[in-house]
């Protein structure tokens, strides 16, 4: 059993405005990851966000929406809220809400890999030695995730447990693209014709 936790509490400082509410095709950027998570068979699926519009959209789509009133404390707050707002599971899969090109097939491949190795490993997608999201953490590391502070995220835990990592190689580098700057956004729009809904 794996819980899906969508992280959507950032301040989009490099973009200059809320990137998750920017349009891509016929939806807002954040809607793509929501719909893909819903399409997969997770034990529990939630989104953690400070934005009321994002929370309302998620609720209408059937996701559990958790308001992050302490987003200013950094990424660790979203991680803790996500874990505390889901039931105990074998694994916790953390998604970033600004990654619209990740495919359902890749999500399922990561899930199957986690289950194949007895739900004991950290599972990370990779292409050409470039790591990306989403990442699955096993239950045994939840205590360490819950002890994170400030803007420290899962990388801190990953770096302490390199022996537990299983990399899953994917074929399309665009799946790991996250949208941080306006240049990233323009590239996303340019690759629009490659995108498969």
N, C-alpha and C. Protein backbone atom coordinates (compact mmCIF):
# COMPACT_ATOMS: atom_id res chain seq x y z
N UNK A 1 0.83 -1.19 0.00
CA UNK A 1 0.00 0.00 0.00
C UNK A 1 0.87 1.25 0.00
N UNK A 2 0.55 2.17 -0.89
CA UNK A 2 1.33 3.41 -1.04
C UNK A 2 0.39 4.61 -0.98
N UNK A 3 0.79 5.62 -0.22
CA UNK A 3 0.07 6.89 -0.19
C UNK A 3 0.70 7.86 -1.18
N UNK A 4 -0.14 8.63 -1.86
CA UNK A 4 0.34 9.68 -2.76
C UNK A 4 0.17 11.03 -2.08
N UNK A 5 1.25 11.80 -2.04
CA UNK A 5 1.23 13.13 -1.42
C UNK A 5 1.73 14.14 -2.45
N UNK A 6 0.84 15.03 -2.88
CA UNK A 6 1.22 16.07 -3.85
C UNK A 6 1.62 17.33 -3.09
N UNK A 7 2.83 17.78 -3.34
CA UNK A 7 3.37 18.96 -2.67
C UNK A 7 3.06 20.20 -3.53
N UNK A 8 2.25 21.10 -2.98
CA UNK A 8 1.83 22.27 -3.76
C UNK A 8 1.79 23.52 -2.89
N UNK A 9 2.82 23.70 -2.07
CA UNK A 9 2.82 24.81 -1.10
C UNK A 9 3.91 25.84 -1.36
N UNK A 10 4.59 25.73 -2.49
CA UNK A 10 5.69 26.65 -2.75
C UNK A 10 5.22 28.06 -3.07
N UNK A 11 6.17 29.00 -3.07
CA UNK A 11 5.85 30.41 -3.32
C UNK A 11 6.19 30.87 -4.74
N UNK A 12 6.69 29.96 -5.58
CA UNK A 12 6.99 30.28 -6.99
C UNK A 12 7.85 31.53 -7.12
N UNK A 13 8.85 31.68 -6.26
CA UNK A 13 9.66 32.90 -6.23
C UNK A 13 10.39 33.14 -7.54
N UNK A 14 10.88 32.08 -8.15
CA UNK A 14 11.62 32.25 -9.41
C UNK A 14 10.69 32.60 -10.57
N UNK A 15 9.42 32.17 -10.48
CA UNK A 15 8.46 32.48 -11.53
C UNK A 15 7.92 33.90 -11.38
N UNK A 16 7.77 34.36 -10.16
CA UNK A 16 7.25 35.69 -9.93
C UNK A 16 5.74 35.74 -9.75
N UNK A 17 5.07 34.62 -9.99
CA UNK A 17 3.64 34.48 -9.73
C UNK A 17 3.35 33.00 -9.53
N UNK A 18 2.14 32.68 -9.08
CA UNK A 18 1.84 31.29 -8.75
C UNK A 18 1.82 30.42 -10.01
N UNK A 19 2.87 29.64 -10.19
CA UNK A 19 2.99 28.84 -11.41
C UNK A 19 1.93 27.76 -11.52
N UNK A 20 1.45 27.27 -10.37
CA UNK A 20 0.48 26.17 -10.41
C UNK A 20 -0.86 26.60 -10.97
N UNK A 21 -1.11 27.90 -11.03
CA UNK A 21 -2.37 28.42 -11.57
C UNK A 21 -2.21 28.92 -13.01
N UNK A 22 -1.03 28.70 -13.59
CA UNK A 22 -0.80 29.11 -14.98
C UNK A 22 -1.41 28.08 -15.93
N UNK A 23 -1.89 28.53 -17.08
CA UNK A 23 -2.56 27.60 -18.01
C UNK A 23 -1.59 26.75 -18.81
N UNK A 24 -2.00 25.53 -19.04
CA UNK A 24 -1.30 24.65 -19.98
C UNK A 24 -2.37 23.84 -20.70
N UNK A 25 -2.43 24.04 -22.01
CA UNK A 25 -3.54 23.49 -22.79
C UNK A 25 -4.86 23.96 -22.20
N UNK A 26 -5.73 23.06 -21.85
CA UNK A 26 -7.07 23.46 -21.40
C UNK A 26 -7.24 23.36 -19.89
N UNK A 27 -6.12 23.29 -19.15
CA UNK A 27 -6.20 23.16 -17.70
C UNK A 27 -5.16 24.06 -17.03
N UNK A 28 -5.25 24.13 -15.73
CA UNK A 28 -4.20 24.78 -14.96
C UNK A 28 -3.07 23.78 -14.76
N UNK A 29 -1.86 24.29 -14.58
CA UNK A 29 -0.69 23.43 -14.49
C UNK A 29 -0.84 22.33 -13.43
N UNK A 30 -1.37 22.70 -12.28
CA UNK A 30 -1.47 21.75 -11.17
C UNK A 30 -2.48 20.64 -11.41
N UNK A 31 -3.42 20.84 -12.31
CA UNK A 31 -4.47 19.84 -12.53
C UNK A 31 -3.94 18.54 -13.13
N UNK A 32 -2.85 18.63 -13.88
CA UNK A 32 -2.35 17.44 -14.56
C UNK A 32 -1.87 16.38 -13.56
N UNK A 33 -1.10 16.81 -12.58
CA UNK A 33 -0.59 15.84 -11.61
C UNK A 33 -1.73 15.32 -10.74
N UNK A 34 -2.70 16.17 -10.44
CA UNK A 34 -3.86 15.71 -9.66
C UNK A 34 -4.56 14.57 -10.38
N UNK A 35 -4.84 14.75 -11.66
CA UNK A 35 -5.60 13.76 -12.42
C UNK A 35 -4.82 12.46 -12.59
N UNK A 36 -3.51 12.57 -12.72
CA UNK A 36 -2.71 11.36 -12.87
C UNK A 36 -2.65 10.56 -11.56
N UNK A 37 -2.55 11.26 -10.45
CA UNK A 37 -2.56 10.58 -9.16
C UNK A 37 -3.90 9.88 -8.94
N UNK A 38 -4.98 10.57 -9.28
CA UNK A 38 -6.32 9.98 -9.12
C UNK A 38 -6.47 8.73 -9.98
N UNK A 39 -5.81 8.71 -11.13
CA UNK A 39 -5.92 7.58 -12.06
C UNK A 39 -5.18 6.33 -11.58
N UNK A 40 -4.32 6.50 -10.60
CA UNK A 40 -3.54 5.37 -10.09
C UNK A 40 -4.16 4.85 -8.78
N UNK A 41 -3.87 3.62 -8.49
CA UNK A 41 -4.53 2.94 -7.37
C UNK A 41 -3.73 3.12 -6.08
N UNK A 42 -3.80 4.33 -5.52
CA UNK A 42 -3.10 4.60 -4.27
C UNK A 42 -3.99 4.28 -3.08
N UNK A 43 -3.37 3.94 -1.98
CA UNK A 43 -4.10 3.66 -0.74
C UNK A 43 -4.80 4.93 -0.25
N UNK A 44 -4.08 6.06 -0.33
CA UNK A 44 -4.63 7.36 0.03
C UNK A 44 -3.97 8.40 -0.87
N UNK A 45 -4.74 9.39 -1.32
CA UNK A 45 -4.21 10.42 -2.21
C UNK A 45 -4.57 11.80 -1.68
N UNK A 46 -3.57 12.64 -1.44
CA UNK A 46 -3.84 13.98 -0.92
C UNK A 46 -2.98 15.02 -1.61
N UNK A 47 -3.40 16.27 -1.46
CA UNK A 47 -2.59 17.39 -1.90
C UNK A 47 -2.45 18.35 -0.73
N UNK A 48 -1.25 18.88 -0.56
CA UNK A 48 -0.97 19.84 0.51
C UNK A 48 -0.66 21.18 -0.15
N UNK A 49 -1.46 22.21 0.17
CA UNK A 49 -1.30 23.50 -0.49
C UNK A 49 -1.73 24.63 0.43
N UNK A 50 -1.18 25.81 0.18
CA UNK A 50 -1.58 27.00 0.91
C UNK A 50 -2.64 27.79 0.14
N UNK A 51 -2.86 27.40 -1.11
CA UNK A 51 -3.71 28.17 -2.01
C UNK A 51 -5.15 27.64 -2.03
N UNK A 52 -6.09 28.52 -1.74
CA UNK A 52 -7.49 28.10 -1.65
C UNK A 52 -8.03 27.58 -2.98
N UNK A 53 -7.63 28.19 -4.07
CA UNK A 53 -8.12 27.75 -5.38
C UNK A 53 -7.63 26.34 -5.71
N UNK A 54 -6.37 26.08 -5.43
CA UNK A 54 -5.82 24.74 -5.64
C UNK A 54 -6.55 23.71 -4.79
N UNK A 55 -6.79 24.05 -3.53
CA UNK A 55 -7.49 23.14 -2.62
C UNK A 55 -8.91 22.85 -3.10
N UNK A 56 -9.59 23.87 -3.60
CA UNK A 56 -10.96 23.68 -4.09
C UNK A 56 -10.99 22.81 -5.33
N UNK A 57 -10.07 23.04 -6.24
CA UNK A 57 -10.00 22.21 -7.46
C UNK A 57 -9.73 20.75 -7.10
N UNK A 58 -8.80 20.55 -6.19
CA UNK A 58 -8.45 19.18 -5.77
C UNK A 58 -9.66 18.48 -5.13
N UNK A 59 -10.38 19.18 -4.29
CA UNK A 59 -11.55 18.60 -3.64
C UNK A 59 -12.60 18.18 -4.66
N UNK A 60 -12.83 19.03 -5.65
CA UNK A 60 -13.81 18.72 -6.70
C UNK A 60 -13.40 17.49 -7.51
N UNK A 61 -12.09 17.28 -7.63
CA UNK A 61 -11.61 16.12 -8.39
C UNK A 61 -11.59 14.84 -7.55
N UNK A 62 -11.84 14.97 -6.25
CA UNK A 62 -11.89 13.79 -5.39
C UNK A 62 -10.65 13.54 -4.56
N UNK A 63 -9.72 14.49 -4.57
CA UNK A 63 -8.53 14.37 -3.73
C UNK A 63 -8.81 14.92 -2.34
N UNK A 64 -8.16 14.37 -1.36
CA UNK A 64 -8.20 14.97 -0.04
C UNK A 64 -7.29 16.20 -0.08
N UNK A 65 -7.83 17.36 0.30
CA UNK A 65 -7.07 18.61 0.24
C UNK A 65 -6.72 19.07 1.65
N UNK A 66 -5.44 19.30 1.89
CA UNK A 66 -4.96 19.69 3.21
C UNK A 66 -4.34 21.08 3.12
N UNK A 67 -4.88 22.02 3.89
CA UNK A 67 -4.36 23.38 3.87
C UNK A 67 -3.07 23.48 4.68
N UNK A 68 -2.08 24.09 4.07
CA UNK A 68 -0.79 24.31 4.73
C UNK A 68 -0.74 25.75 5.23
N UNK A 69 -1.07 25.94 6.48
CA UNK A 69 -1.07 27.29 7.06
C UNK A 69 0.33 27.76 7.44
N UNK A 70 1.28 26.86 7.41
CA UNK A 70 2.66 27.19 7.80
C UNK A 70 3.64 26.99 6.65
N UNK A 71 3.17 27.27 5.43
CA UNK A 71 4.03 27.07 4.26
C UNK A 71 5.32 27.88 4.35
N UNK A 72 5.26 29.00 5.05
CA UNK A 72 6.43 29.87 5.18
C UNK A 72 7.59 29.18 5.90
N UNK A 73 7.29 28.09 6.60
CA UNK A 73 8.34 27.36 7.33
C UNK A 73 9.20 26.51 6.40
N UNK A 74 8.75 26.33 5.16
CA UNK A 74 9.54 25.58 4.21
C UNK A 74 8.97 24.22 3.84
N UNK A 75 9.71 23.54 2.99
CA UNK A 75 9.27 22.27 2.41
C UNK A 75 8.98 21.20 3.46
N UNK A 76 9.71 21.23 4.54
CA UNK A 76 9.54 20.21 5.58
C UNK A 76 8.12 20.21 6.13
N UNK A 77 7.49 21.38 6.17
CA UNK A 77 6.14 21.47 6.71
C UNK A 77 5.14 20.71 5.84
N UNK A 78 5.31 20.79 4.52
CA UNK A 78 4.45 20.05 3.60
C UNK A 78 4.62 18.55 3.77
N UNK A 79 5.87 18.13 3.94
CA UNK A 79 6.15 16.71 4.12
C UNK A 79 5.47 16.18 5.38
N UNK A 80 5.60 16.91 6.47
CA UNK A 80 5.00 16.47 7.73
C UNK A 80 3.48 16.45 7.65
N UNK A 81 2.91 17.50 7.06
CA UNK A 81 1.45 17.55 6.90
C UNK A 81 0.96 16.38 6.06
N UNK A 82 1.69 16.11 4.99
CA UNK A 82 1.31 15.02 4.11
C UNK A 82 1.30 13.68 4.80
N UNK A 83 2.34 13.42 5.58
CA UNK A 83 2.44 12.15 6.31
C UNK A 83 1.35 12.06 7.39
N UNK A 84 1.18 13.14 8.13
CA UNK A 84 0.20 13.14 9.22
C UNK A 84 -1.25 13.07 8.74
N UNK A 85 -1.47 13.44 7.48
CA UNK A 85 -2.83 13.48 6.94
C UNK A 85 -3.21 12.23 6.16
N UNK A 86 -2.33 11.24 6.17
CA UNK A 86 -2.62 9.98 5.48
C UNK A 86 -2.48 8.82 6.47
N UNK A 87 -3.15 7.70 6.19
CA UNK A 87 -3.01 6.54 7.06
C UNK A 87 -1.63 5.92 6.93
N UNK A 88 -1.25 5.10 7.88
CA UNK A 88 0.04 4.39 7.81
C UNK A 88 0.03 3.47 6.60
N UNK A 89 1.11 3.52 5.83
CA UNK A 89 1.21 2.72 4.60
C UNK A 89 2.62 2.15 4.49
N UNK A 90 2.81 1.26 3.51
CA UNK A 90 4.14 0.69 3.28
C UNK A 90 5.09 1.72 2.67
N UNK A 91 4.50 2.61 1.84
CA UNK A 91 5.31 3.62 1.17
C UNK A 91 4.57 4.93 1.03
N UNK A 92 5.36 6.00 0.84
CA UNK A 92 4.81 7.34 0.69
C UNK A 92 5.44 7.95 -0.56
N UNK A 93 4.62 8.23 -1.55
CA UNK A 93 5.11 8.72 -2.84
C UNK A 93 4.86 10.23 -2.92
N UNK A 94 5.95 10.99 -2.97
CA UNK A 94 5.86 12.45 -2.96
C UNK A 94 5.96 12.99 -4.39
N UNK A 95 4.93 13.73 -4.79
CA UNK A 95 4.86 14.36 -6.11
C UNK A 95 5.06 15.86 -5.97
N UNK A 96 5.65 16.48 -6.99
CA UNK A 96 5.64 17.94 -7.08
C UNK A 96 4.53 18.33 -8.05
N UNK A 97 3.81 19.39 -7.71
CA UNK A 97 2.63 19.76 -8.50
C UNK A 97 2.98 20.48 -9.80
N UNK A 98 4.27 20.78 -10.00
CA UNK A 98 4.69 21.51 -11.21
C UNK A 98 5.38 20.59 -12.22
N UNK A 99 4.95 19.35 -12.27
CA UNK A 99 5.56 18.36 -13.16
C UNK A 99 4.48 17.72 -14.04
N UNK A 100 3.91 18.48 -14.98
CA UNK A 100 2.74 18.01 -15.72
C UNK A 100 2.99 16.90 -16.73
N UNK A 101 4.25 16.68 -17.13
CA UNK A 101 4.53 15.71 -18.19
C UNK A 101 4.82 14.30 -17.69
N UNK A 102 4.86 14.10 -16.39
CA UNK A 102 5.05 12.74 -15.88
C UNK A 102 3.90 11.87 -16.36
N UNK A 103 4.19 10.66 -16.77
CA UNK A 103 3.14 9.80 -17.32
C UNK A 103 2.62 8.82 -16.28
N UNK A 104 1.40 8.37 -16.50
CA UNK A 104 0.81 7.37 -15.63
C UNK A 104 1.62 6.08 -15.69
N UNK A 105 2.14 5.75 -16.86
CA UNK A 105 2.96 4.54 -17.01
C UNK A 105 4.20 4.61 -16.13
N UNK A 106 4.84 5.78 -16.07
CA UNK A 106 6.02 5.93 -15.23
C UNK A 106 5.66 5.84 -13.75
N UNK A 107 4.56 6.44 -13.37
CA UNK A 107 4.10 6.35 -11.98
C UNK A 107 3.88 4.89 -11.60
N UNK A 108 3.23 4.15 -12.46
CA UNK A 108 2.96 2.73 -12.18
C UNK A 108 4.24 1.90 -12.16
N UNK A 109 5.20 2.27 -13.00
CA UNK A 109 6.49 1.57 -13.01
C UNK A 109 7.22 1.78 -11.69
N UNK A 110 7.17 2.98 -11.16
CA UNK A 110 7.80 3.26 -9.86
C UNK A 110 7.11 2.46 -8.75
N UNK A 111 5.79 2.43 -8.79
CA UNK A 111 5.03 1.68 -7.79
C UNK A 111 5.38 0.19 -7.86
N UNK A 112 5.39 -0.35 -9.05
CA UNK A 112 5.69 -1.78 -9.23
C UNK A 112 7.11 -2.12 -8.77
N UNK A 113 8.04 -1.21 -9.00
CA UNK A 113 9.42 -1.42 -8.56
C UNK A 113 9.50 -1.43 -7.04
N UNK A 114 8.82 -0.50 -6.41
CA UNK A 114 8.79 -0.44 -4.94
C UNK A 114 8.24 -1.75 -4.37
N UNK A 115 7.14 -2.21 -4.93
CA UNK A 115 6.52 -3.45 -4.44
C UNK A 115 7.39 -4.67 -4.71
N UNK A 116 8.09 -4.66 -5.81
CA UNK A 116 8.94 -5.79 -6.21
C UNK A 116 10.06 -6.04 -5.18
N UNK A 117 10.54 -4.98 -4.58
CA UNK A 117 11.64 -5.11 -3.62
C UNK A 117 11.15 -5.03 -2.17
N UNK A 118 9.99 -5.60 -1.94
CA UNK A 118 9.44 -5.76 -0.59
C UNK A 118 9.23 -4.45 0.16
N UNK A 119 8.99 -3.39 -0.58
CA UNK A 119 8.61 -2.10 0.01
C UNK A 119 9.62 -1.57 1.03
N UNK A 120 10.90 -1.86 0.80
CA UNK A 120 11.94 -1.47 1.76
C UNK A 120 12.89 -0.40 1.24
N UNK A 121 12.74 0.00 -0.01
CA UNK A 121 13.73 0.88 -0.62
C UNK A 121 13.16 2.24 -1.00
N UNK A 122 14.07 3.18 -1.21
CA UNK A 122 13.71 4.47 -1.80
C UNK A 122 13.74 4.30 -3.31
N UNK A 123 12.65 4.64 -3.98
CA UNK A 123 12.58 4.47 -5.44
C UNK A 123 12.55 5.84 -6.10
N UNK A 124 13.51 6.04 -7.03
CA UNK A 124 13.70 7.35 -7.66
C UNK A 124 13.77 7.19 -9.19
N UNK A 125 13.02 8.00 -9.94
CA UNK A 125 13.15 7.96 -11.40
C UNK A 125 14.43 8.66 -11.84
N UNK A 126 14.99 8.19 -12.96
CA UNK A 126 16.26 8.73 -13.42
C UNK A 126 16.35 8.63 -14.93
N UNK A 127 17.04 9.61 -15.52
CA UNK A 127 17.39 9.51 -16.94
C UNK A 127 18.76 10.17 -17.13
N UNK A 128 19.68 9.44 -17.73
CA UNK A 128 21.04 9.94 -17.98
C UNK A 128 21.67 10.52 -16.71
N UNK A 129 21.57 9.78 -15.62
CA UNK A 129 22.13 10.18 -14.32
C UNK A 129 21.47 11.40 -13.70
N UNK A 130 20.39 11.86 -14.29
CA UNK A 130 19.62 12.97 -13.71
C UNK A 130 18.44 12.40 -12.93
N UNK A 131 18.42 12.70 -11.63
CA UNK A 131 17.34 12.23 -10.78
C UNK A 131 16.13 13.15 -10.88
N UNK A 132 14.97 12.61 -10.53
CA UNK A 132 13.78 13.45 -10.57
C UNK A 132 12.73 13.02 -9.56
N UNK A 133 11.53 13.50 -9.76
CA UNK A 133 10.38 13.15 -8.95
C UNK A 133 9.34 12.46 -9.83
N UNK A 134 8.42 11.74 -9.22
CA UNK A 134 8.18 11.54 -7.79
C UNK A 134 9.11 10.49 -7.18
N UNK A 135 9.24 10.57 -5.85
CA UNK A 135 10.09 9.64 -5.10
C UNK A 135 9.22 8.89 -4.09
N UNK A 136 9.47 7.59 -3.97
CA UNK A 136 8.76 6.78 -2.97
C UNK A 136 9.71 6.50 -1.80
N UNK A 137 9.25 6.80 -0.60
CA UNK A 137 9.99 6.49 0.62
C UNK A 137 9.30 5.36 1.36
N UNK A 138 10.08 4.40 1.87
CA UNK A 138 9.48 3.31 2.65
C UNK A 138 9.09 3.77 4.05
N UNK A 139 8.19 3.04 4.65
CA UNK A 139 7.69 3.37 5.98
C UNK A 139 8.81 3.52 7.01
N UNK A 140 9.89 2.74 6.86
CA UNK A 140 10.96 2.76 7.86
C UNK A 140 11.66 4.12 7.96
N UNK A 141 11.48 4.99 6.95
CA UNK A 141 12.16 6.29 6.95
C UNK A 141 11.23 7.44 7.33
N UNK A 142 10.00 7.13 7.69
CA UNK A 142 9.03 8.18 8.00
C UNK A 142 9.49 9.02 9.20
N UNK A 143 10.07 8.38 10.20
CA UNK A 143 10.57 9.12 11.36
C UNK A 143 11.57 10.19 10.97
N UNK A 144 12.45 9.87 10.03
CA UNK A 144 13.44 10.84 9.58
C UNK A 144 12.80 11.97 8.78
N UNK A 145 11.82 11.63 7.97
CA UNK A 145 11.11 12.67 7.22
C UNK A 145 10.37 13.61 8.17
N UNK A 146 9.82 13.05 9.22
CA UNK A 146 9.06 13.85 10.19
C UNK A 146 9.97 14.75 11.03
N UNK A 147 11.26 14.45 11.05
CA UNK A 147 12.19 15.25 11.86
C UNK A 147 12.85 16.38 11.05
N UNK A 148 12.51 16.48 9.76
CA UNK A 148 13.07 17.54 8.93
C UNK A 148 12.59 18.90 9.42
N UNK A 149 13.41 19.91 9.22
CA UNK A 149 13.06 21.27 9.63
C UNK A 149 13.34 22.25 8.50
N UNK A 150 12.62 23.37 8.51
CA UNK A 150 12.86 24.44 7.56
C UNK A 150 12.59 24.01 6.12
N UNK A 151 13.46 24.48 5.22
CA UNK A 151 13.25 24.18 3.80
C UNK A 151 14.00 22.92 3.37
N UNK A 152 14.35 22.08 4.32
CA UNK A 152 14.99 20.81 4.01
C UNK A 152 13.93 19.81 3.57
N UNK A 153 14.22 19.10 2.49
CA UNK A 153 13.27 18.14 1.95
C UNK A 153 13.81 16.73 1.97
N UNK A 154 13.21 15.89 1.14
CA UNK A 154 13.55 14.48 1.11
C UNK A 154 14.99 14.18 0.74
N UNK A 155 15.66 15.10 0.04
CA UNK A 155 17.05 14.87 -0.35
C UNK A 155 17.94 14.61 0.86
N UNK A 156 17.64 15.29 1.95
CA UNK A 156 18.44 15.09 3.16
C UNK A 156 18.38 13.65 3.65
N UNK A 157 17.21 13.06 3.56
CA UNK A 157 17.03 11.67 3.98
C UNK A 157 17.64 10.73 2.95
N UNK A 158 17.43 11.03 1.68
CA UNK A 158 17.99 10.20 0.61
C UNK A 158 19.51 10.11 0.73
N UNK A 159 20.15 11.24 0.99
CA UNK A 159 21.62 11.27 1.05
C UNK A 159 22.19 10.45 2.22
N UNK A 160 21.36 10.18 3.22
CA UNK A 160 21.79 9.36 4.35
C UNK A 160 21.56 7.87 4.11
N UNK A 161 20.86 7.55 3.04
CA UNK A 161 20.48 6.15 2.81
C UNK A 161 20.72 5.76 1.35
N UNK A 162 21.89 6.10 0.85
CA UNK A 162 22.19 5.81 -0.56
C UNK A 162 22.18 4.31 -0.84
N UNK A 163 22.44 3.51 0.19
CA UNK A 163 22.44 2.04 -0.01
C UNK A 163 21.03 1.49 -0.21
N UNK A 164 20.02 2.30 0.11
CA UNK A 164 18.63 1.85 -0.01
C UNK A 164 17.96 2.33 -1.30
N UNK A 165 18.71 3.05 -2.14
CA UNK A 165 18.10 3.63 -3.34
C UNK A 165 18.01 2.61 -4.47
N UNK A 166 16.85 2.59 -5.12
CA UNK A 166 16.69 1.87 -6.39
C UNK A 166 16.29 2.90 -7.44
N UNK A 167 17.09 3.01 -8.46
CA UNK A 167 16.79 3.94 -9.55
C UNK A 167 15.97 3.23 -10.62
N UNK A 168 15.00 3.94 -11.15
CA UNK A 168 14.20 3.43 -12.25
C UNK A 168 14.48 4.32 -13.46
N UNK A 169 15.09 3.73 -14.48
CA UNK A 169 15.44 4.50 -15.67
C UNK A 169 14.22 4.67 -16.57
N UNK A 170 13.95 5.93 -16.95
CA UNK A 170 12.83 6.21 -17.83
C UNK A 170 13.37 6.71 -19.17
N UNK A 171 12.50 6.72 -20.18
CA UNK A 171 12.96 6.98 -21.55
C UNK A 171 12.86 8.45 -21.95
N UNK A 172 11.87 9.17 -21.45
CA UNK A 172 11.61 10.52 -21.92
C UNK A 172 12.01 11.55 -20.86
N UNK A 173 13.03 12.32 -21.16
CA UNK A 173 13.54 13.29 -20.19
C UNK A 173 12.51 14.36 -19.83
N UNK A 174 11.57 14.61 -20.73
CA UNK A 174 10.58 15.66 -20.47
C UNK A 174 9.64 15.30 -19.32
N UNK A 175 9.54 14.02 -19.02
CA UNK A 175 8.67 13.62 -17.91
C UNK A 175 9.15 14.18 -16.58
N UNK A 176 10.46 14.39 -16.45
CA UNK A 176 11.02 14.86 -15.19
C UNK A 176 11.10 16.39 -15.12
N UNK A 177 10.60 17.07 -16.15
CA UNK A 177 10.66 18.53 -16.18
C UNK A 177 9.73 19.14 -15.15
N UNK A 178 10.30 19.99 -14.29
CA UNK A 178 9.45 20.78 -13.40
C UNK A 178 9.56 22.24 -13.82
N UNK A 179 8.50 22.97 -13.56
CA UNK A 179 8.38 24.33 -14.07
C UNK A 179 8.71 25.32 -12.96
N UNK A 180 9.93 25.85 -12.98
CA UNK A 180 10.38 26.77 -11.93
C UNK A 180 10.46 28.22 -12.40
N UNK A 181 10.81 28.41 -13.67
CA UNK A 181 11.00 29.76 -14.19
C UNK A 181 10.10 29.98 -15.41
N UNK A 182 10.02 31.24 -15.84
CA UNK A 182 9.22 31.52 -17.04
C UNK A 182 9.84 30.87 -18.26
N UNK A 183 11.16 30.71 -18.27
CA UNK A 183 11.82 30.00 -19.38
C UNK A 183 11.37 28.54 -19.41
N UNK A 184 11.27 27.92 -18.24
CA UNK A 184 10.76 26.54 -18.17
C UNK A 184 9.35 26.47 -18.74
N UNK A 185 8.55 27.46 -18.38
CA UNK A 185 7.15 27.49 -18.83
C UNK A 185 7.07 27.64 -20.35
N UNK A 186 7.92 28.50 -20.91
CA UNK A 186 7.92 28.68 -22.37
C UNK A 186 8.35 27.40 -23.08
N UNK A 187 9.30 26.68 -22.48
CA UNK A 187 9.72 25.40 -23.06
C UNK A 187 8.58 24.39 -23.01
N UNK A 188 7.84 24.41 -21.91
CA UNK A 188 6.70 23.51 -21.79
C UNK A 188 5.69 23.77 -22.89
N UNK A 189 5.39 25.03 -23.14
CA UNK A 189 4.44 25.37 -24.19
C UNK A 189 4.98 24.98 -25.56
N UNK A 190 6.29 25.08 -25.73
CA UNK A 190 6.91 24.72 -27.01
C UNK A 190 6.83 23.22 -27.27
N UNK A 191 6.84 22.43 -26.16
CA UNK A 191 6.75 20.97 -26.31
C UNK A 191 5.31 20.48 -26.28
N UNK A 192 4.40 21.40 -26.40
CA UNK A 192 2.97 21.08 -26.31
C UNK A 192 2.57 19.97 -27.27
N UNK A 193 3.10 20.00 -28.48
CA UNK A 193 2.70 19.00 -29.47
C UNK A 193 3.23 17.60 -29.15
N UNK A 194 4.20 17.51 -28.25
CA UNK A 194 4.72 16.20 -27.84
C UNK A 194 3.87 15.56 -26.74
N UNK A 195 3.08 16.41 -26.11
CA UNK A 195 2.41 15.99 -24.89
C UNK A 195 1.23 15.09 -25.18
N UNK A 196 1.18 13.97 -24.48
CA UNK A 196 0.08 13.02 -24.64
C UNK A 196 -0.80 13.11 -23.40
N UNK A 197 -2.01 13.56 -23.57
CA UNK A 197 -2.93 13.67 -22.42
C UNK A 197 -3.13 12.33 -21.78
